[in-house]
Amino acid sequence: RLVYAQGLASTPRLMRHLWRMCFALFISVG
C-alpha cells in the first residue's frame, strides 16, 4: 500500500509507526 500510494498521509503514517514499534515490543516481551 505504501509503495502503491508513493507515500502515506499523516494519520496512516503515524499508525504505521505506532503499531510496528509497539508490536515489536510485544514480541520481545512475549
All heavy atoms as atom14 arrays in JSON, in Angstrom:
{
  "sequence": "RLVYAQGLASTPRLMRHLWRMCFALFISVG",
  "atom14_mask": [
    [1, 1, 1, 1, 1, 1, 1, 1, 1, 1, 1, 0, 0, 0],
    [1, 1, 1, 1, 1, 1, 1, 1, 0, 0, 0, 0, 0, 0],
    [1, 1, 1, 1, 1, 1, 1, 0, 0, 0, 0, 0, 0, 0],
    [1, 1, 1, 1, 1, 1, 1, 1, 1, 1, 1, 1, 0, 0],
    [1, 1, 1, 1, 1, 0, 0, 0, 0, 0, 0, 0, 0, 0],
    [1, 1, 1, 1, 1, 1, 1, 1, 1, 0, 0, 0, 0, 0],
    [1, 1, 1, 1, 0, 0, 0, 0, 0, 0, 0, 0, 0, 0],
    [1, 1, 1, 1, 1, 1, 1, 1, 0, 0, 0, 0, 0, 0],
    [1, 1, 1, 1, 1, 0, 0, 0, 0, 0, 0, 0, 0, 0],
    [1, 1, 1, 1, 1, 1, 0, 0, 0, 0, 0, 0, 0, 0],
    [1, 1, 1, 1, 1, 1, 1, 0, 0, 0, 0, 0, 0, 0],
    [1, 1, 1, 1, 1, 1, 1, 0, 0, 0, 0, 0, 0, 0],
    [1, 1, 1, 1, 1, 1, 1, 1, 1, 1, 1, 0, 0, 0],
    [1, 1, 1, 1, 1, 1, 1, 1, 0, 0, 0, 0, 0, 0],
    [1, 1, 1, 1, 1, 1, 1, 1, 0, 0, 0, 0, 0, 0],
    [1, 1, 1, 1, 1, 1, 1, 1, 1, 1, 1, 0, 0, 0],
    [1, 1, 1, 1, 1, 1, 1, 1, 1, 1, 0, 0, 0, 0],
    [1, 1, 1, 1, 1, 1, 1, 1, 0, 0, 0, 0, 0, 0],
    [1, 1, 1, 1, 1, 1, 1, 1, 1, 1, 1, 1, 1, 1],
    [1, 1, 1, 1, 1, 1, 1, 1, 1, 1, 1, 0, 0, 0],
    [1, 1, 1, 1, 1, 1, 1, 1, 0, 0, 0, 0, 0, 0],
    [1, 1, 1, 1, 1, 1, 0, 0, 0, 0, 0, 0, 0, 0],
    [1, 1, 1, 1, 1, 1, 1, 1, 1, 1, 1, 0, 0, 0],
    [1, 1, 1, 1, 1, 0, 0, 0, 0, 0, 0, 0, 0, 0],
    [1, 1, 1, 1, 1, 1, 1, 1, 0, 0, 0, 0, 0, 0],
    [1, 1, 1, 1, 1, 1, 1, 1, 1, 1, 1, 0, 0, 0],
    [1, 1, 1, 1, 1, 1, 1, 1, 0, 0, 0, 0, 0, 0],
    [1, 1, 1, 1, 1, 1, 0, 0, 0, 0, 0, 0, 0, 0],
    [1, 1, 1, 1, 1, 1, 1, 0, 0, 0, 0, 0, 0, 0],
    [1, 1, 1, 1, 0, 0, 0, 0, 0, 0, 0, 0, 0, 0]
  ],
  "atom14_positions": [
    [[0.84, -1.21, 0.0], [0.0, 0.0, 0.0], [0.86, 1.25, 0.0], [0.57, 2.23, -0.71], [-0.91, -0.02, 1.22], [-1.77, 1.23, 1.38], [-2.41, 1.26, 2.75], [-3.15, 2.51, 2.96], [-3.58, 2.92, 4.14], [-3.36, 2.2, 5.22], [-4.24, 4.05, 4.24], [0.0, 0.0, 0.0], [0.0, 0.0, 0.0], [0.0, 0.0, 0.0]],
    [[1.93, 1.21, 0.79], [2.85, 2.35, 0.85], [3.52, 2.59, -0.5], [3.64, 3.73, -0.97], [3.9, 2.1, 1.93], [5.05, 3.11, 2.05], [4.52, 4.49, 2.37], [6.04, 2.66, 3.11], [0.0, 0.0, 0.0], [0.0, 0.0, 0.0], [0.0, 0.0, 0.0], [0.0, 0.0, 0.0], [0.0, 0.0, 0.0], [0.0, 0.0, 0.0]],
    [[3.97, 1.5, -1.13], [4.63, 1.62, -2.44], [3.65, 2.13, -3.49], [3.98, 3.03, -4.28], [5.22, 0.25, -2.86], [5.7, 0.3, -4.31], [6.36, -0.14, -1.95], [0.0, 0.0, 0.0], [0.0, 0.0, 0.0], [0.0, 0.0, 0.0], [0.0, 0.0, 0.0], [0.0, 0.0, 0.0], [0.0, 0.0, 0.0], [0.0, 0.0, 0.0]],
    [[2.44, 1.58, -3.49], [1.44, 1.97, -4.49], [1.04, 3.43, -4.34], [0.87, 4.16, -5.32], [0.22, 1.07, -4.36], [-0.9, 1.41, -5.33], [-0.81, 1.04, -6.67], [-2.03, 2.1, -4.89], [-1.82, 1.37, -7.55], [-3.05, 2.43, -5.77], [-2.94, 2.06, -7.1], [-3.94, 2.38, -7.98], [0.0, 0.0, 0.0], [0.0, 0.0, 0.0]],
    [[0.87, 3.87, -3.09], [0.45, 5.25, -2.83], [1.59, 6.25, -2.96], [1.36, 7.46, -2.97], [-0.16, 5.35, -1.44], [0.0, 0.0, 0.0], [0.0, 0.0, 0.0], [0.0, 0.0, 0.0], [0.0, 0.0, 0.0], [0.0, 0.0, 0.0], [0.0, 0.0, 0.0], [0.0, 0.0, 0.0], [0.0, 0.0, 0.0], [0.0, 0.0, 0.0]],
    [[2.84, 5.72, -3.03], [4.03, 6.57, -3.1], [4.1, 7.54, -1.92], [4.41, 8.72, -2.06], [4.07, 7.34, -4.43], [4.16, 6.43, -5.65], [4.3, 7.2, -6.94], [4.01, 8.39, -7.02], [4.78, 6.54, -7.98], [0.0, 0.0, 0.0], [0.0, 0.0, 0.0], [0.0, 0.0, 0.0], [0.0, 0.0, 0.0], [0.0, 0.0, 0.0]],
    [[3.8, 6.99, -0.75], [3.84, 7.78, 0.48], [2.5, 7.72, 1.19], [1.49, 7.35, 0.59], [0.0, 0.0, 0.0], [0.0, 0.0, 0.0], [0.0, 0.0, 0.0], [0.0, 0.0, 0.0], [0.0, 0.0, 0.0], [0.0, 0.0, 0.0], [0.0, 0.0, 0.0], [0.0, 0.0, 0.0], [0.0, 0.0, 0.0], [0.0, 0.0, 0.0]],
    [[2.51, 8.04, 2.46], [1.29, 7.99, 3.26], [0.98, 9.36, 3.84], [1.88, 10.14, 4.14], [1.45, 6.98, 4.41], [1.63, 5.51, 4.03], [1.9, 4.68, 5.27], [0.42, 4.99, 3.28], [0.0, 0.0, 0.0], [0.0, 0.0, 0.0], [0.0, 0.0, 0.0], [0.0, 0.0, 0.0], [0.0, 0.0, 0.0], [0.0, 0.0, 0.0]],
    [[-0.32, 9.63, 3.99], [-0.75, 10.85, 4.68], [-0.36, 10.78, 6.14], [0.09, 9.74, 6.64], [-2.25, 11.04, 4.51], [0.0, 0.0, 0.0], [0.0, 0.0, 0.0], [0.0, 0.0, 0.0], [0.0, 0.0, 0.0], [0.0, 0.0, 0.0], [0.0, 0.0, 0.0], [0.0, 0.0, 0.0], [0.0, 0.0, 0.0], [0.0, 0.0, 0.0]],
    [[-0.56, 11.85, 6.85], [-0.07, 11.97, 8.22], [-0.61, 10.88, 9.15], [0.16, 10.21, 9.85], [-0.43, 13.35, 8.79], [0.05, 13.49, 10.1], [0.0, 0.0, 0.0], [0.0, 0.0, 0.0], [0.0, 0.0, 0.0], [0.0, 0.0, 0.0], [0.0, 0.0, 0.0], [0.0, 0.0, 0.0], [0.0, 0.0, 0.0], [0.0, 0.0, 0.0]],
    [[-1.93, 10.65, 9.13], [-2.52, 9.68, 10.06], [-2.1, 8.25, 9.76], [-1.66, 7.53, 10.67], [-4.06, 9.8, 10.07], [-4.41, 11.11, 10.55], [-4.68, 8.76, 10.98], [0.0, 0.0, 0.0], [0.0, 0.0, 0.0], [0.0, 0.0, 0.0], [0.0, 0.0, 0.0], [0.0, 0.0, 0.0], [0.0, 0.0, 0.0], [0.0, 0.0, 0.0]],
    [[-2.21, 7.74, 8.52], [-1.72, 6.38, 8.24], [-0.23, 6.22, 8.51], [0.22, 5.15, 8.92], [-2.04, 6.21, 6.74], [-3.11, 7.18, 6.45], [-2.85, 8.35, 7.35], [0.0, 0.0, 0.0], [0.0, 0.0, 0.0], [0.0, 0.0, 0.0], [0.0, 0.0, 0.0], [0.0, 0.0, 0.0], [0.0, 0.0, 0.0], [0.0, 0.0, 0.0]],
    [[0.52, 7.28, 8.28], [1.97, 7.24, 8.53], [2.25, 7.05, 10.02], [3.08, 6.23, 10.42], [2.56, 8.55, 8.02], [4.0, 8.85, 8.38], [4.41, 10.13, 7.67], [5.61, 10.71, 8.23], [5.63, 11.61, 9.2], [4.47, 12.02, 9.73], [6.77, 12.09, 9.66], [0.0, 0.0, 0.0], [0.0, 0.0, 0.0], [0.0, 0.0, 0.0]],
    [[1.52, 7.79, 10.86], [1.69, 7.64, 12.3], [1.22, 6.27, 12.78], [1.81, 5.68, 13.69], [0.93, 8.75, 13.03], [1.51, 10.16, 12.9], [0.59, 11.18, 13.57], [2.91, 10.23, 13.5], [0.0, 0.0, 0.0], [0.0, 0.0, 0.0], [0.0, 0.0, 0.0], [0.0, 0.0, 0.0], [0.0, 0.0, 0.0], [0.0, 0.0, 0.0]],
    [[0.13, 5.78, 12.18], [-0.38, 4.48, 12.57], [0.61, 3.37, 12.22], [0.82, 2.43, 12.98], [-1.72, 4.22, 11.89], [-2.47, 3.01, 12.45], [-2.87, 3.21, 14.2], [-2.33, 1.64, 14.87], [0.0, 0.0, 0.0], [0.0, 0.0, 0.0], [0.0, 0.0, 0.0], [0.0, 0.0, 0.0], [0.0, 0.0, 0.0], [0.0, 0.0, 0.0]],
    [[1.23, 3.49, 11.06], [2.26, 2.52, 10.65], [3.42, 2.53, 11.64], [3.9, 1.47, 12.06], [2.76, 2.87, 9.24], [3.88, 1.96, 8.71], [4.29, 2.41, 7.31], [5.47, 1.71, 6.83], [5.45, 0.57, 6.15], [4.3, -0.03, 5.89], [6.58, -0.01, 5.75], [0.0, 0.0, 0.0], [0.0, 0.0, 0.0], [0.0, 0.0, 0.0]],
    [[3.84, 3.72, 12.03], [4.92, 3.86, 13.02], [4.52, 3.24, 14.36], [5.27, 2.46, 14.95], [5.23, 5.34, 13.19], [6.11, 5.65, 14.36], [7.45, 5.36, 14.4], [5.82, 6.24, 15.57], [7.95, 5.74, 15.56], [6.99, 6.28, 16.29], [0.0, 0.0, 0.0], [0.0, 0.0, 0.0], [0.0, 0.0, 0.0], [0.0, 0.0, 0.0]],
    [[3.32, 3.57, 14.81], [2.87, 3.16, 16.13], [2.74, 1.65, 16.27], [3.32, 1.05, 17.17], [1.54, 3.83, 16.46], [0.87, 3.34, 17.74], [1.5, 4.04, 18.93], [-0.62, 3.57, 17.72], [0.0, 0.0, 0.0], [0.0, 0.0, 0.0], [0.0, 0.0, 0.0], [0.0, 0.0, 0.0], [0.0, 0.0, 0.0], [0.0, 0.0, 0.0]],
    [[1.96, 1.03, 15.37], [1.68, -0.39, 15.57], [2.92, -1.24, 15.37], [3.1, -2.26, 16.06], [0.51, -0.84, 14.7], [0.84, -1.39, 13.33], [0.76, -0.74, 12.14], [1.27, -2.73, 13.03], [1.12, -1.58, 11.12], [1.43, -2.81, 11.63], [1.54, -3.87, 13.8], [1.85, -3.97, 10.98], [1.97, -5.03, 13.15], [2.12, -5.07, 11.76]],
    [[3.8, -0.84, 14.46], [5.0, -1.64, 14.22], [5.97, -1.56, 15.39], [6.56, -2.56, 15.8], [5.66, -1.22, 12.9], [4.83, -1.66, 11.69], [5.35, -1.14, 10.37], [4.45, -1.56, 9.3], [4.8, -2.39, 8.31], [6.02, -2.88, 8.25], [3.92, -2.73, 7.39], [0.0, 0.0, 0.0], [0.0, 0.0, 0.0], [0.0, 0.0, 0.0]],
    [[6.15, -0.37, 15.94], [7.01, -0.22, 17.1], [6.44, -0.98, 18.3], [7.16, -1.7, 19.0], [7.18, 1.26, 17.44], [8.01, 2.04, 16.44], [9.7, 1.46, 16.34], [10.57, 2.97, 16.02], [0.0, 0.0, 0.0], [0.0, 0.0, 0.0], [0.0, 0.0, 0.0], [0.0, 0.0, 0.0], [0.0, 0.0, 0.0], [0.0, 0.0, 0.0]],
    [[5.15, -0.81, 18.53], [4.52, -1.46, 19.68], [4.49, -2.97, 19.52], [4.7, -3.7, 20.5], [3.11, -0.92, 19.89], [3.04, 0.75, 20.57], [0.0, 0.0, 0.0], [0.0, 0.0, 0.0], [0.0, 0.0, 0.0], [0.0, 0.0, 0.0], [0.0, 0.0, 0.0], [0.0, 0.0, 0.0], [0.0, 0.0, 0.0], [0.0, 0.0, 0.0]],
    [[4.24, -3.45, 18.31], [4.19, -4.9, 18.14], [5.57, -5.53, 18.23], [5.71, -6.67, 18.69], [3.52, -5.28, 16.82], [2.79, -6.58, 16.89], [1.45, -6.6, 17.26], [3.42, -7.78, 16.63], [0.77, -7.8, 17.37], [2.75, -8.98, 16.73], [1.42, -8.99, 17.09], [0.0, 0.0, 0.0], [0.0, 0.0, 0.0], [0.0, 0.0, 0.0]],
    [[6.59, -4.79, 17.82], [7.95, -5.27, 18.04], [8.22, -5.43, 19.53], [8.82, -6.42, 19.98], [8.95, -4.3, 17.42], [0.0, 0.0, 0.0], [0.0, 0.0, 0.0], [0.0, 0.0, 0.0], [0.0, 0.0, 0.0], [0.0, 0.0, 0.0], [0.0, 0.0, 0.0], [0.0, 0.0, 0.0], [0.0, 0.0, 0.0], [0.0, 0.0, 0.0]],
    [[7.77, -4.45, 20.32], [7.91, -4.54, 21.76], [7.1, -5.71, 22.31], [7.55, -6.44, 23.21], [7.46, -3.23, 22.41], [7.57, -3.14, 23.93], [9.01, -3.31, 24.38], [7.01, -1.8, 24.42], [0.0, 0.0, 0.0], [0.0, 0.0, 0.0], [0.0, 0.0, 0.0], [0.0, 0.0, 0.0], [0.0, 0.0, 0.0], [0.0, 0.0, 0.0]],
    [[5.9, -5.93, 21.77], [5.04, -7.04, 22.19], [5.73, -8.38, 21.97], [5.72, -9.26, 22.85], [3.72, -6.99, 21.43], [2.84, -8.18, 21.62], [2.06, -8.32, 22.76], [2.79, -9.19, 20.67], [1.25, -9.43, 22.94], [1.99, -10.31, 20.84], [1.22, -10.43, 21.98], [0.0, 0.0, 0.0], [0.0, 0.0, 0.0], [0.0, 0.0, 0.0]],
    [[6.34, -8.57, 20.81], [7.04, -9.82, 20.51], [8.21, -10.02, 21.46], [8.43, -11.12, 21.98], [7.53, -9.82, 19.05], [6.35, -9.85, 18.08], [8.45, -11.01, 18.79], [6.75, -9.68, 16.63], [0.0, 0.0, 0.0], [0.0, 0.0, 0.0], [0.0, 0.0, 0.0], [0.0, 0.0, 0.0], [0.0, 0.0, 0.0], [0.0, 0.0, 0.0]],
    [[8.95, -8.94, 21.72], [10.11, -9.04, 22.61], [9.7, -9.36, 24.03], [10.34, -10.19, 24.7], [10.89, -7.72, 22.58], [11.32, -7.44, 21.27], [0.0, 0.0, 0.0], [0.0, 0.0, 0.0], [0.0, 0.0, 0.0], [0.0, 0.0, 0.0], [0.0, 0.0, 0.0], [0.0, 0.0, 0.0], [0.0, 0.0, 0.0], [0.0, 0.0, 0.0]],
    [[8.64, -8.72, 24.5], [8.15, -9.02, 25.85], [7.67, -10.47, 25.93], [7.95, -11.18, 26.9], [7.01, -8.05, 26.23], [6.29, -8.52, 27.5], [7.56, -6.65, 26.43], [0.0, 0.0, 0.0], [0.0, 0.0, 0.0], [0.0, 0.0, 0.0], [0.0, 0.0, 0.0], [0.0, 0.0, 0.0], [0.0, 0.0, 0.0], [0.0, 0.0, 0.0]],
    [[6.96, -10.92, 24.89], [6.49, -12.31, 24.86], [7.64, -13.3, 24.88], [7.57, -14.33, 25.55], [0.0, 0.0, 0.0], [0.0, 0.0, 0.0], [0.0, 0.0, 0.0], [0.0, 0.0, 0.0], [0.0, 0.0, 0.0], [0.0, 0.0, 0.0], [0.0, 0.0, 0.0], [0.0, 0.0, 0.0], [0.0, 0.0, 0.0], [0.0, 0.0, 0.0]]
  ]
}
